[in-house]
Protein backbone atom coordinates (compact mmCIF):
# COMPACT_ATOMS: atom_id res chain seq x y z
CA MET A 1 37.94 -25.78 -12.52
CA SER A 2 40.30 -28.48 -13.35
CA GLU A 3 41.17 -31.28 -11.48
CA LYS A 4 44.70 -29.63 -11.69
CA ASP A 5 43.59 -26.79 -9.95
CA ILE A 6 41.94 -28.74 -7.61
CA ASP A 7 44.79 -30.51 -6.50
CA THR A 8 46.77 -26.90 -6.26
CA LEU A 9 44.18 -25.74 -4.25
CA VAL A 10 44.13 -28.74 -1.77
CA TRP A 11 47.95 -28.09 -1.34
CA ARG A 12 47.06 -24.65 -0.46
CA LEU A 13 44.46 -25.30 1.84
CA LYS A 14 46.55 -27.88 3.77
CA ARG A 15 49.60 -25.44 3.83
CA ARG A 16 46.97 -22.82 5.04
CA GLY A 17 45.99 -25.45 7.84
CA ASP A 18 49.41 -25.86 9.22
CA GLU A 19 50.25 -21.99 9.10
CA ILE A 20 47.13 -20.40 11.59
CA SER A 21 47.38 -19.12 14.44
CA ASP A 22 47.11 -20.94 18.05
CA ASP A 23 43.94 -19.23 18.76
CA VAL A 24 42.22 -20.32 15.80
CA VAL A 25 43.33 -24.06 15.81
CA LYS A 26 42.02 -23.81 19.63
CA SER A 27 38.75 -22.16 18.40
CA ILE A 28 38.49 -24.90 15.67
CA ASN A 29 39.21 -27.78 17.41
CA SER A 30 36.52 -26.49 20.29
CA ILE A 31 33.79 -27.15 17.84
CA ALA A 32 35.76 -30.07 15.90
CA PHE A 33 33.16 -32.49 16.03
CA ARG A 34 30.38 -30.23 15.09
CA LEU A 35 32.23 -29.06 12.30
CA LEU A 36 33.05 -32.49 10.62
CA GLU A 37 29.74 -33.63 11.28
CA GLN A 38 28.58 -30.55 9.13
CA VAL A 39 31.27 -31.17 6.28
CA ARG A 40 30.27 -34.64 6.20
CA LEU A 41 26.68 -33.70 5.56
CA GLY A 42 27.61 -31.33 3.14
CA ASN A 43 25.59 -27.96 5.06
CA LYS A 44 28.21 -25.38 3.18
CA ASP A 45 26.28 -22.62 4.94
CA ASN A 46 26.81 -24.13 8.52
CA VAL A 47 30.46 -24.83 7.96
CA PHE A 48 31.09 -21.24 6.43
CA TYR A 49 29.56 -19.66 9.45
CA MET A 50 31.35 -21.81 11.91
CA LEU A 51 35.06 -21.65 10.37
CA LEU A 52 34.14 -17.70 9.57
CA ARG A 53 32.94 -17.45 13.47
CA CYS A 54 36.41 -18.75 14.50
CA PHE A 55 38.57 -16.45 12.35
CA LYS A 56 36.65 -13.34 13.40
CA SER A 57 36.30 -14.00 16.96
CA ASN A 58 40.34 -14.29 16.97
CA ASN A 59 40.34 -10.87 14.75
CA GLU A 60 41.88 -13.13 11.72
CA LYS A 61 41.30 -12.46 8.17
CA PHE A 62 39.33 -15.31 6.62
CA PRO A 63 41.85 -17.02 4.05
CA ASN A 64 41.35 -16.75 0.31
CA GLU A 65 41.75 -20.22 0.12
CA LEU A 66 38.58 -20.94 2.23
CA ILE A 67 36.90 -18.77 -0.10
CA GLU A 68 37.68 -20.68 -3.06
CA ALA A 69 36.56 -24.02 -1.40
CA PHE A 70 32.83 -22.56 -1.08
CA LYS A 71 32.50 -20.84 -4.55
CA PRO A 72 29.78 -23.00 -6.14
CA GLU A 73 32.25 -24.52 -9.03
CA ASN A 74 33.92 -26.33 -6.52
CA ASP A 75 30.63 -28.11 -4.74
CA ARG A 76 31.81 -31.40 -6.18
CA TYR A 77 34.82 -31.17 -4.05
CA PHE A 78 33.77 -29.29 -0.99
CA LYS A 79 34.13 -32.23 1.29
CA THR A 80 37.65 -32.86 -0.01
CA LEU A 81 38.68 -29.26 0.20
CA ILE A 82 37.41 -28.60 3.67
CA PHE A 83 39.14 -31.71 5.17
CA SER A 84 42.37 -30.69 3.72
CA PHE A 85 42.02 -27.81 5.45
CA LEU A 86 41.39 -29.42 8.74
CA ALA A 87 43.35 -32.01 8.43
CA PRO A 88 46.83 -30.35 9.93
CA ILE A 89 44.36 -28.40 12.52
CA LEU A 90 42.41 -31.07 13.98
CA GLY A 91 43.93 -32.26 17.10
CA LYS A 92 46.84 -29.79 16.88
CA LYS A 93 48.02 -28.52 20.22
CA GLU A 94 48.70 -25.03 21.34
CA THR A 95 52.34 -24.59 20.91
CA GLU A 96 54.39 -23.86 24.32
CA GLY A 97 57.65 -21.99 24.19
CA GLY A 98 57.73 -22.10 20.40
CA GLU A 99 57.54 -26.24 20.62
CA GLU A 100 54.70 -28.57 19.89
């Protein structure tokens, strides 16, 4: 994957992180420290499982953009891609009455 493609994927992951439901945000935030540590260590299998569990436990589809981040050809950019997805989620509060 070219660097331009990686830049596009980073942008798409950030956008997807902004768009996920409050239930998934809550699930991800509940495991945030363990998840961040697994990303830092480069444990792709654990990160995939943890994120997949957050989506499936809330009956939501796992985003295609995240699937792209876990592909072997993107190993070099794994941490950057996952952190791009998590950045808009971590610490985000659930919306009350449509406002944050």
